[in-house]
Amino acid sequence: MKTAKIQTCLDCLHCKVSAKSTEKRRVYMKVAEEAWKKLLRWISLCRIPEVIAVGKRVRNYFWGVLNAIRLGVTNGALEATNGCIQRIKRMAYGFRNKERFKTAILFHLGNLNMNPSTI
């Protein structure tokens, strides 16, 4: 039963993701804020320690979560780039100096066109 309530709250959060106009976005923000508050109220009544810990964390970052929903921005591209850099670092087993490491990153992530241009 409790899982169904959580799923209902989460479904409510995602119900208007495709809203494009300003008015629809404003309505969506209100719905999202109400759904998150409803979820936090439910979490405050829960007795499971792990759920309580998640609720505290969400409550601490509540306005950041709402701003992320409102602006629709993520750090996904940055995380992907960081993952690629970590992969390059693992493949190299260490570089002799920082300049070579930087060159390897620019080579792999610099979107270089390796095809020669035709004259």
Protein backbone atom coordinates (compact mmCIF):
# COMPACT_ATOMS: atom_id res chain seq x y z
CA MET A 1 0.00 0.00 0.00
CA LYS A 2 2.75 2.46 0.93
CA THR A 3 4.65 1.63 -2.25
CA ALA A 4 1.51 2.41 -4.26
CA LYS A 5 1.27 5.84 -2.59
CA ILE A 6 4.91 6.60 -3.45
CA GLN A 7 4.32 5.50 -7.05
CA THR A 8 1.23 7.71 -7.27
CA CYS A 9 3.24 10.71 -6.05
CA LEU A 10 6.05 9.99 -8.50
CA ASP A 11 3.58 9.52 -11.37
CA CYS A 12 2.10 12.89 -10.51
CA LEU A 13 5.57 14.44 -10.77
CA HIS A 14 6.06 13.15 -14.31
CA CYS A 15 2.53 13.67 -15.62
CA LYS A 16 3.23 16.97 -17.40
CA VAL A 17 6.87 16.70 -18.47
CA SER A 18 6.08 17.70 -22.02
CA ALA A 19 4.65 21.11 -21.04
CA LYS A 20 6.09 23.72 -23.41
CA SER A 21 4.26 27.00 -22.83
CA THR A 22 4.92 29.27 -19.87
CA GLU A 23 1.46 28.75 -18.42
CA LYS A 24 1.68 24.99 -18.68
CA ARG A 25 5.15 25.11 -17.12
CA ARG A 26 3.80 27.21 -14.24
CA VAL A 27 0.97 24.72 -13.67
CA TYR A 28 3.45 21.86 -13.87
CA MET A 29 5.67 23.52 -11.25
CA LYS A 30 2.70 23.86 -8.89
CA VAL A 31 1.74 20.21 -9.43
CA ALA A 32 5.36 19.11 -8.91
CA GLU A 33 5.75 21.15 -5.74
CA GLU A 34 2.50 19.80 -4.31
CA ALA A 35 3.46 16.22 -5.19
CA TRP A 36 6.89 16.54 -3.58
CA LYS A 37 5.34 18.08 -0.45
CA LYS A 38 2.80 15.24 -0.33
CA LEU A 39 5.60 12.70 -0.62
CA LEU A 40 7.59 14.44 2.15
CA ARG A 41 4.51 14.43 4.41
CA TRP A 42 4.13 10.69 3.85
CA ILE A 43 7.83 10.13 4.53
CA SER A 44 7.58 12.06 7.80
CA LEU A 45 4.98 9.53 9.01
CA CYS A 46 7.00 6.51 7.92
CA ARG A 47 8.87 4.42 10.48
CA ILE A 48 11.50 2.89 8.18
CA PRO A 49 14.91 4.43 9.05
CA GLU A 50 16.21 4.37 5.46
CA VAL A 51 13.12 6.17 4.17
CA ILE A 52 13.42 8.75 6.95
CA ALA A 53 17.06 9.37 5.95
CA VAL A 54 16.06 9.89 2.32
CA GLY A 55 13.28 12.24 3.42
CA LYS A 56 15.73 14.37 5.41
CA ARG A 57 18.07 14.56 2.45
CA VAL A 58 15.29 15.53 0.05
CA ARG A 59 13.99 18.11 2.54
CA ASN A 60 17.48 19.67 2.73
CA TYR A 61 17.69 20.00 -1.06
CA PHE A 62 13.97 20.60 -1.71
CA TRP A 63 14.29 23.96 -3.47
CA GLY A 64 17.21 22.70 -5.54
CA VAL A 65 15.05 19.79 -6.70
CA LEU A 66 12.24 22.17 -7.66
CA ASN A 67 14.67 24.45 -9.50
CA ALA A 68 16.02 21.47 -11.44
CA ILE A 69 12.46 20.56 -12.43
CA ARG A 70 11.65 24.16 -13.35
CA LEU A 71 14.78 24.78 -15.41
CA GLY A 72 15.05 21.28 -16.84
CA VAL A 73 18.83 21.20 -16.55
CA THR A 74 21.00 18.26 -15.55
CA ASN A 75 24.68 17.61 -15.09
CA GLY A 76 24.52 14.51 -17.30
CA ALA A 77 26.86 15.86 -19.98
CA LEU A 78 29.44 16.82 -17.37
CA GLU A 79 29.23 13.40 -15.73
CA ALA A 80 29.66 11.70 -19.13
CA THR A 81 32.75 13.79 -19.87
CA ASN A 82 34.18 13.01 -16.44
CA GLY A 83 33.57 9.30 -17.06
CA CYS A 84 35.46 9.50 -20.35
CA ILE A 85 38.38 11.26 -18.65
CA GLN A 86 38.47 8.57 -15.97
CA ARG A 87 38.46 5.90 -18.69
CA ILE A 88 41.42 7.60 -20.44
CA LYS A 89 43.22 7.76 -17.11
CA ARG A 90 42.67 4.03 -16.50
CA MET A 91 43.77 3.09 -20.02
CA ALA A 92 47.03 5.01 -19.69
CA TYR A 93 48.12 3.57 -16.32
CA GLY A 94 49.59 6.98 -15.53
CA PHE A 95 51.26 9.53 -17.75
CA ARG A 96 54.81 10.82 -17.56
CA ASN A 97 53.59 14.38 -17.20
CA LYS A 98 50.41 16.43 -17.11
CA GLU A 99 50.88 17.76 -20.64
CA ARG A 100 50.59 14.27 -22.15
CA PHE A 101 47.48 13.58 -20.07
CA LYS A 102 45.94 16.84 -21.29
CA THR A 103 46.87 15.97 -24.89
CA ALA A 104 45.19 12.55 -24.54
CA ILE A 105 42.01 14.13 -23.17
CA LEU A 106 41.89 16.70 -25.98
CA PHE A 107 42.57 13.97 -28.55
CA HIS A 108 39.74 11.75 -27.32
CA LEU A 109 37.21 14.41 -26.31
CA GLY A 110 38.10 17.36 -28.54
CA ASN A 111 35.74 16.34 -31.39
CA LEU A 112 38.59 16.53 -33.85
CA ASN A 113 37.87 15.83 -37.50
CA MET A 114 40.53 13.30 -38.51
CA ASN A 115 39.44 13.18 -42.16
CA PRO A 116 41.70 15.24 -44.43
CA SER A 117 39.94 18.06 -46.17
CA THR A 118 39.76 17.85 -49.94
CA ILE A 119 41.31 20.60 -52.02
